[in-house]
Protein backbone atom coordinates (compact mmCIF):
# COMPACT_ATOMS: atom_id res chain seq x y z
CA UNK A 1 188.88 28.57 122.25
CA UNK A 2 186.50 31.23 123.26
CA UNK A 3 182.93 30.62 123.15
CA UNK A 4 180.03 33.19 123.80
CA UNK A 5 176.42 33.07 124.16
CA UNK A 6 174.25 35.55 124.91
CA UNK A 7 171.05 34.07 127.04
CA UNK A 8 168.13 36.70 128.56
CA UNK A 9 170.15 39.54 127.99
CA UNK A 10 173.11 38.37 129.41
CA UNK A 11 176.14 37.83 127.71
CA UNK A 12 178.06 34.98 128.96
CA UNK A 13 182.04 34.59 127.37
CA UNK A 14 184.03 31.41 128.51
CA UNK A 15 187.54 31.28 127.14
CA UNK A 16 190.10 28.36 128.06
CA UNK A 17 193.45 27.87 126.88
CA UNK A 18 194.28 24.40 125.20
CA UNK A 19 197.99 24.97 126.00
CA UNK A 20 197.43 25.97 130.02
CA UNK A 21 194.06 25.07 130.51
CA UNK A 22 193.51 28.35 132.36
CA UNK A 23 189.77 29.40 132.21
CA UNK A 24 188.39 32.85 132.19
CA UNK A 25 184.29 33.80 132.27
CA UNK A 26 183.11 36.92 131.60
CA UNK A 27 179.25 38.17 132.25
CA UNK A 28 178.51 40.95 129.94
CA UNK A 29 181.89 41.73 129.61
CA UNK A 30 182.87 41.83 133.21
CA UNK A 31 185.45 39.29 133.98
CA UNK A 32 183.86 37.04 137.08
CA UNK A 33 186.75 35.97 139.68
CA UNK A 34 187.83 32.30 139.59
CA UNK A 35 187.25 30.47 142.82
CA UNK A 36 188.84 27.21 141.69
CA UNK A 37 189.59 25.58 138.15
CA UNK A 38 185.78 25.11 137.47
CA UNK A 39 183.94 27.20 139.47
CA UNK A 40 183.85 31.33 139.32
CA UNK A 41 182.01 34.44 141.68
CA UNK A 42 180.11 37.32 140.99
CA UNK A 43 178.28 40.11 143.18
CA UNK A 44 174.69 40.29 141.61
CA UNK A 45 172.96 43.64 141.48
CA UNK A 46 171.85 43.46 145.36
CA UNK A 47 175.31 42.83 146.50
CA UNK A 48 175.18 39.35 147.33
CA UNK A 49 177.69 36.50 146.03
CA UNK A 50 176.55 33.96 143.11
CA UNK A 51 178.92 31.55 141.69
CA UNK A 52 178.90 29.84 138.80
CA UNK A 53 180.26 26.19 138.11
CA UNK A 54 181.68 25.37 134.93
CA UNK A 55 181.13 21.68 133.28
CA UNK A 56 182.57 19.92 130.86
CA UNK A 57 185.08 20.46 128.35
CA UNK A 58 185.97 21.24 124.94
CA UNK A 59 185.58 17.91 123.08
CA UNK A 60 182.35 17.19 125.00
CA UNK A 61 180.66 20.50 125.56
CA UNK A 62 180.40 22.94 127.95
CA UNK A 63 177.75 23.93 130.63
CA UNK A 64 177.66 26.42 133.08
CA UNK A 65 175.43 25.62 136.30
CA UNK A 66 174.05 28.69 138.43
CA UNK A 67 171.49 28.43 140.99
CA UNK A 68 168.40 28.24 138.83
CA UNK A 69 169.48 27.17 135.98
CA UNK A 70 171.85 26.50 133.38
CA UNK A 71 174.04 27.97 129.86
CA UNK A 72 174.53 25.51 127.26
CA UNK A 73 177.93 26.97 125.53
CA UNK A 74 178.78 24.37 123.41
CA UNK A 75 176.66 21.19 123.03
CA UNK A 76 177.99 18.59 120.56
CA UNK A 77 175.40 17.44 117.29
CA UNK A 78 175.50 13.32 116.73
CA UNK A 79 177.66 13.83 113.81
CA UNK A 80 180.19 15.74 115.52
CA UNK A 81 180.64 13.15 117.98
CA UNK A 82 181.43 10.54 115.31
CA UNK A 83 183.28 13.04 113.18
CA UNK A 84 185.87 13.86 116.66
CA UNK A 85 185.99 9.86 118.06
CA UNK A 86 186.23 8.01 114.05
CA UNK A 87 189.85 9.03 114.19
CA UNK A 88 190.28 6.84 117.17
CA UNK A 89 189.07 3.71 115.46
CA UNK A 90 192.82 4.03 113.86
CA UNK A 91 193.95 3.22 118.21
CA UNK A 92 192.37 -0.28 117.74
CA UNK A 93 194.29 -0.95 114.64
CA UNK A 94 197.73 0.61 115.95
CA UNK A 95 197.43 -2.20 119.02
CA UNK A 96 198.20 -4.58 116.41
CA UNK A 97 201.67 -2.87 116.03
CA UNK A 98 203.05 -4.22 119.52
CA UNK A 99 204.12 -1.23 121.92
CA UNK A 100 205.51 0.93 118.81
CA UNK A 101 201.99 0.84 116.74
CA UNK A 102 200.02 1.35 119.55
CA UNK A 103 202.19 4.31 121.01
CA UNK A 104 202.64 5.73 117.71
CA UNK A 105 198.87 5.86 117.29
CA UNK A 106 197.65 6.84 119.86
CA UNK A 107 199.23 9.99 119.69
CA UNK A 108 198.54 10.38 116.22
CA UNK A 109 194.63 9.61 116.60
CA UNK A 110 194.02 11.47 119.65
CA UNK A 111 195.65 14.26 117.63
CA UNK A 112 193.30 14.25 115.03
CA UNK A 113 190.40 14.06 117.75
CA UNK A 114 191.39 17.19 119.18
CA UNK A 115 192.18 18.62 115.31
CA UNK A 116 188.82 17.58 114.11
CA UNK A 117 187.10 19.14 117.53
CA UNK A 118 188.72 22.51 116.63
CA UNK A 119 187.54 22.68 112.86
CA UNK A 120 183.76 21.75 114.28
CA UNK A 121 184.20 24.91 116.50
CA UNK A 122 184.86 26.98 113.58
CA UNK A 123 182.69 28.60 111.48
CA UNK A 124 183.48 27.21 108.57
CA UNK A 125 180.12 26.10 106.69
CA UNK A 126 179.32 22.42 107.11
CA UNK A 127 180.44 20.63 104.13
CA UNK A 128 184.25 21.82 104.69
CA UNK A 129 184.41 21.25 108.40
CA UNK A 130 183.30 17.40 107.24
CA UNK A 131 185.71 17.14 104.21
CA UNK A 132 188.76 19.11 106.28
CA UNK A 133 187.10 16.26 109.39
CA UNK A 134 187.77 13.20 106.88
CA UNK A 135 191.20 14.48 105.21
CA UNK A 136 192.82 14.93 109.32
CA UNK A 137 191.39 11.66 110.43
CA UNK A 138 192.60 9.71 106.79
CA UNK A 139 195.92 11.64 107.06
CA UNK A 140 196.95 11.41 110.33
CA UNK A 141 196.18 7.51 110.30
CA UNK A 142 198.23 7.49 107.30
CA UNK A 143 201.49 9.13 108.94
CA UNK A 144 201.37 7.09 112.03
CA UNK A 145 200.96 4.38 109.84
CA UNK A 146 203.60 5.20 107.51
CA UNK A 147 206.49 5.95 110.43
CA UNK A 148 205.63 2.69 111.92
CA UNK A 149 206.58 0.71 108.75
CA UNK A 150 210.06 2.64 108.31
CA UNK A 151 210.56 1.72 112.07
CA UNK A 152 209.81 -1.75 111.47
CA UNK A 153 211.54 -1.25 108.33
CA UNK A 154 214.63 0.16 109.97
CA UNK A 155 215.19 -2.74 112.61
CA UNK A 156 214.69 -5.55 109.80
CA UNK A 157 217.69 -3.65 108.13
CA UNK A 158 219.61 -3.29 111.91
CA UNK A 159 218.66 -6.63 112.99
CA UNK A 160 217.67 -8.94 110.13
CA UNK A 161 217.85 -12.62 112.82
CA UNK A 162 215.41 -10.35 114.51
CA UNK A 163 212.31 -10.87 112.20
CA UNK A 164 213.11 -14.17 110.96
């Protein structure tokens, strides 16, 4: 995902790969040199080395910290927090399905939370964002529940004495 913000005439561009976790940061189109996973350095106009640290993540929000200030690239609104974490309620139900139900619900509900966060970061209008996140939440929870039912039904057929 790419996040951009202009603060006091400085364009900050932060890029983070979902798959690899690789991070890139640039100021006014000039790439900064990574020092560690969450820290970058650059030379200011006087030639002095400056550092910028990245705090947070894709789900919780991203803030750039530097000497004398900070830049909030991404901050969740209250409804975004709700829409990101509501799918995780399905995990609480899944726990009652034993190890298989808990595992399935964990995978599907975490996937729904990440998909919802991606939808909320998109440029869709608010009504469509809410509609799609609700559909993803319901769809993912129904999917893991149906898969659990199929597994339990298959086990009941294969081992009739197990469920007696």
